[in-house]
C-alpha cells in the first residue's frame, strides 16, 4: 500500500497498518473490579493493559 502525501509532500495522510501484528489477551472481569451497577472502574482498564504486556 502506497502512502499518499499532503500538499506539502512531507506528511503522509494515510498510514500503513500491519494487521499481522495484532494480538489479543482474554481477560475475565473479577467481581471486585465491578461497581454496584456491574461497570468496570476506569483504573481497571489500565491494569488490563499492563497485564497484557
N, C-alpha and C. Protein backbone atom coordinates (compact mmCIF):
# COMPACT_ATOMS: atom_id res chain seq x y z
N UNK A 1 0.85 -1.17 0.00
CA UNK A 1 0.00 0.00 0.00
C UNK A 1 0.89 1.23 0.00
N UNK A 2 0.65 2.10 -0.90
CA UNK A 2 1.45 3.31 -1.01
C UNK A 2 0.89 4.39 -0.10
N UNK A 3 1.78 5.24 0.37
CA UNK A 3 1.36 6.38 1.17
C UNK A 3 1.06 7.56 0.26
N UNK A 4 -0.03 8.20 0.50
CA UNK A 4 -0.31 9.43 -0.24
C UNK A 4 0.10 10.60 0.63
N UNK A 5 0.66 11.61 0.04
CA UNK A 5 1.15 12.72 0.84
C UNK A 5 0.24 13.93 0.70
N UNK A 6 0.37 14.83 1.67
CA UNK A 6 -0.43 16.05 1.66
C UNK A 6 0.17 17.06 0.68
N UNK A 7 -0.34 18.26 0.67
CA UNK A 7 0.12 19.29 -0.25
C UNK A 7 1.60 19.62 -0.06
N UNK A 8 2.09 19.57 1.17
CA UNK A 8 3.49 19.88 1.42
C UNK A 8 4.41 18.75 0.97
N UNK A 9 3.87 17.56 0.84
CA UNK A 9 4.67 16.44 0.37
C UNK A 9 5.51 15.78 1.44
N UNK A 10 5.35 16.16 2.72
CA UNK A 10 6.17 15.58 3.78
C UNK A 10 5.38 14.79 4.80
N UNK A 11 4.09 15.04 4.95
CA UNK A 11 3.30 14.38 5.96
C UNK A 11 2.35 13.39 5.29
N UNK A 12 2.48 12.10 5.61
CA UNK A 12 1.56 11.13 4.99
C UNK A 12 0.15 11.32 5.54
N UNK A 13 -0.83 11.22 4.66
CA UNK A 13 -2.22 11.38 5.09
C UNK A 13 -2.86 10.05 5.41
N UNK A 14 -2.28 8.96 5.00
CA UNK A 14 -2.82 7.64 5.29
C UNK A 14 -1.68 6.75 5.75
N UNK A 15 -1.81 6.19 6.93
CA UNK A 15 -0.74 5.36 7.47
C UNK A 15 -0.96 3.90 7.07
N UNK A 16 0.10 3.17 7.01
CA UNK A 16 0.06 1.75 6.70
C UNK A 16 -0.15 0.98 8.00
N UNK A 17 -1.15 0.14 8.05
CA UNK A 17 -1.46 -0.64 9.24
C UNK A 17 -1.12 -2.09 8.97
N UNK A 18 -0.31 -2.65 9.85
CA UNK A 18 0.05 -4.06 9.73
C UNK A 18 -0.92 -4.90 10.55
N UNK A 19 -1.80 -5.62 9.87
CA UNK A 19 -2.78 -6.43 10.57
C UNK A 19 -2.20 -7.73 11.08
N UNK A 20 -1.04 -8.11 10.61
CA UNK A 20 -0.44 -9.35 11.07
C UNK A 20 0.25 -9.17 12.42
N UNK A 21 0.31 -7.95 12.95
CA UNK A 21 0.96 -7.69 14.22
C UNK A 21 -0.04 -7.55 15.37
N UNK A 22 -1.30 -7.81 15.13
CA UNK A 22 -2.29 -7.68 16.19
C UNK A 22 -2.31 -8.93 17.06
N UNK A 23 -2.72 -8.74 18.29
CA UNK A 23 -2.86 -9.87 19.21
C UNK A 23 -3.99 -9.55 20.18
N UNK A 24 -4.43 -10.56 20.88
CA UNK A 24 -5.48 -10.37 21.87
C UNK A 24 -5.15 -11.20 23.10
N UNK A 25 -5.63 -10.72 24.24
CA UNK A 25 -5.45 -11.41 25.50
C UNK A 25 -6.82 -11.53 26.15
N UNK A 26 -7.31 -12.74 26.36
CA UNK A 26 -8.62 -12.87 27.01
C UNK A 26 -8.53 -12.46 28.48
N UNK A 27 -9.46 -11.63 28.91
CA UNK A 27 -9.49 -11.14 30.29
C UNK A 27 -10.90 -11.32 30.82
N UNK A 28 -11.01 -11.87 32.01
CA UNK A 28 -12.30 -12.03 32.67
C UNK A 28 -12.36 -11.02 33.81
N UNK A 29 -13.41 -10.20 33.81
CA UNK A 29 -13.58 -9.21 34.88
C UNK A 29 -13.93 -9.94 36.18
N UNK A 30 -13.21 -9.59 37.24
CA UNK A 30 -13.47 -10.19 38.55
C UNK A 30 -14.50 -9.36 39.29
N UNK A 31 -15.14 -9.96 40.25
CA UNK A 31 -16.22 -9.30 40.98
C UNK A 31 -15.80 -8.02 41.68
N UNK A 32 -14.60 -7.99 42.25
CA UNK A 32 -14.16 -6.80 42.98
C UNK A 32 -13.76 -5.66 42.04
N UNK A 33 -13.64 -5.92 40.73
CA UNK A 33 -13.31 -4.86 39.78
C UNK A 33 -14.57 -4.12 39.29
N UNK A 34 -15.75 -4.61 39.67
CA UNK A 34 -17.01 -4.03 39.22
C UNK A 34 -17.64 -3.20 40.34
N UNK A 35 -18.41 -2.18 39.93
CA UNK A 35 -19.15 -1.41 40.92
C UNK A 35 -20.53 -2.03 41.10
N UNK A 36 -21.42 -1.34 41.80
CA UNK A 36 -22.74 -1.91 42.09
C UNK A 36 -23.61 -2.06 40.85
N UNK A 37 -23.30 -1.32 39.78
CA UNK A 37 -24.05 -1.43 38.53
C UNK A 37 -23.36 -2.35 37.51
N UNK A 38 -22.36 -3.11 37.97
CA UNK A 38 -21.57 -4.01 37.13
C UNK A 38 -20.81 -3.29 36.03
N UNK A 39 -20.33 -2.09 36.32
CA UNK A 39 -19.46 -1.35 35.40
C UNK A 39 -18.03 -1.44 35.90
N UNK A 40 -17.09 -1.51 34.96
CA UNK A 40 -15.68 -1.54 35.34
C UNK A 40 -15.23 -0.15 35.74
N UNK A 41 -14.39 -0.09 36.75
CA UNK A 41 -13.76 1.16 37.13
C UNK A 41 -12.76 1.53 36.04
N UNK A 42 -12.58 2.82 35.77
CA UNK A 42 -11.69 3.26 34.71
C UNK A 42 -10.25 2.82 34.96
N UNK A 43 -9.84 2.76 36.20
CA UNK A 43 -8.47 2.34 36.52
C UNK A 43 -8.24 0.87 36.18
N UNK A 44 -9.29 0.09 36.11
CA UNK A 44 -9.16 -1.33 35.81
C UNK A 44 -8.67 -1.53 34.38
N UNK A 45 -9.09 -0.65 33.46
CA UNK A 45 -8.62 -0.76 32.09
C UNK A 45 -7.10 -0.62 32.01
N UNK A 46 -6.54 0.26 32.81
CA UNK A 46 -5.08 0.41 32.84
C UNK A 46 -4.43 -0.87 33.36
N UNK A 47 -5.02 -1.46 34.36
CA UNK A 47 -4.47 -2.72 34.87
C UNK A 47 -4.55 -3.83 33.83
N UNK A 48 -5.61 -3.84 33.04
CA UNK A 48 -5.74 -4.84 31.98
C UNK A 48 -4.65 -4.66 30.92
N UNK A 49 -4.36 -3.42 30.53
CA UNK A 49 -3.31 -3.20 29.54
C UNK A 49 -1.94 -3.57 30.10
N UNK A 50 -1.72 -3.30 31.39
CA UNK A 50 -0.45 -3.69 32.00
C UNK A 50 -0.34 -5.21 32.06
N UNK A 51 -1.43 -5.88 32.32
CA UNK A 51 -1.43 -7.34 32.37
C UNK A 51 -1.16 -7.94 30.99
N UNK A 52 -1.65 -7.28 29.95
CA UNK A 52 -1.48 -7.79 28.59
C UNK A 52 -0.05 -7.62 28.07
N UNK A 53 0.69 -6.69 28.65
CA UNK A 53 2.08 -6.51 28.19
C UNK A 53 2.85 -7.70 28.57
